[in-house]
């Protein structure tokens, strides 16, 4: 992987992590009401289902199905967008990582490094050349750093682009 591309990915992760910092609290604070957002906002506005159906250009039975599909978690983004518009709301859609992206990437690199080092350590142990704790950890750290700079970090079934292991 080119250094420019690696720097770009690192910068992009840092920028997204900064944006996500405040958003990480949203899933707990913004939990969907039991009856769904459409119904909760409609009722809070004092709007009858018939009125919202008219504003959306659908039948009342379609609106009922729409509210049920939101409760069931099967509503589509297009329908949710139309309902939001009809309720004079913005639809906010985001995937918010549970942890900072750099932690997720670092953990994946360490996971791959541990797999790789453990395979080699097992073979070395069979040849009576087992690595001790500090040497083993140093090897894992080195391989983690190499995985962070190599393509294919998330392709666990393929070591084609894996960093070369040194012995």
Foldseek 3Di string as FASTA:
>chain_A
DDPVVLVVVVVVLVVVLVVLPVVLCCCVVVPAPQQGDLVVLCVVVVHDLCRLCVLLVHHSVVSVVQSVCRNVVNHDPVVVCSSCVSSVHHDDDDDRDNDRPVVVLLVLLLVLLCVVLVVVQVVCVVVVNHDDDVVSVVSSVVQSVQLSVWPPSPVSVDCPGRDDRDD
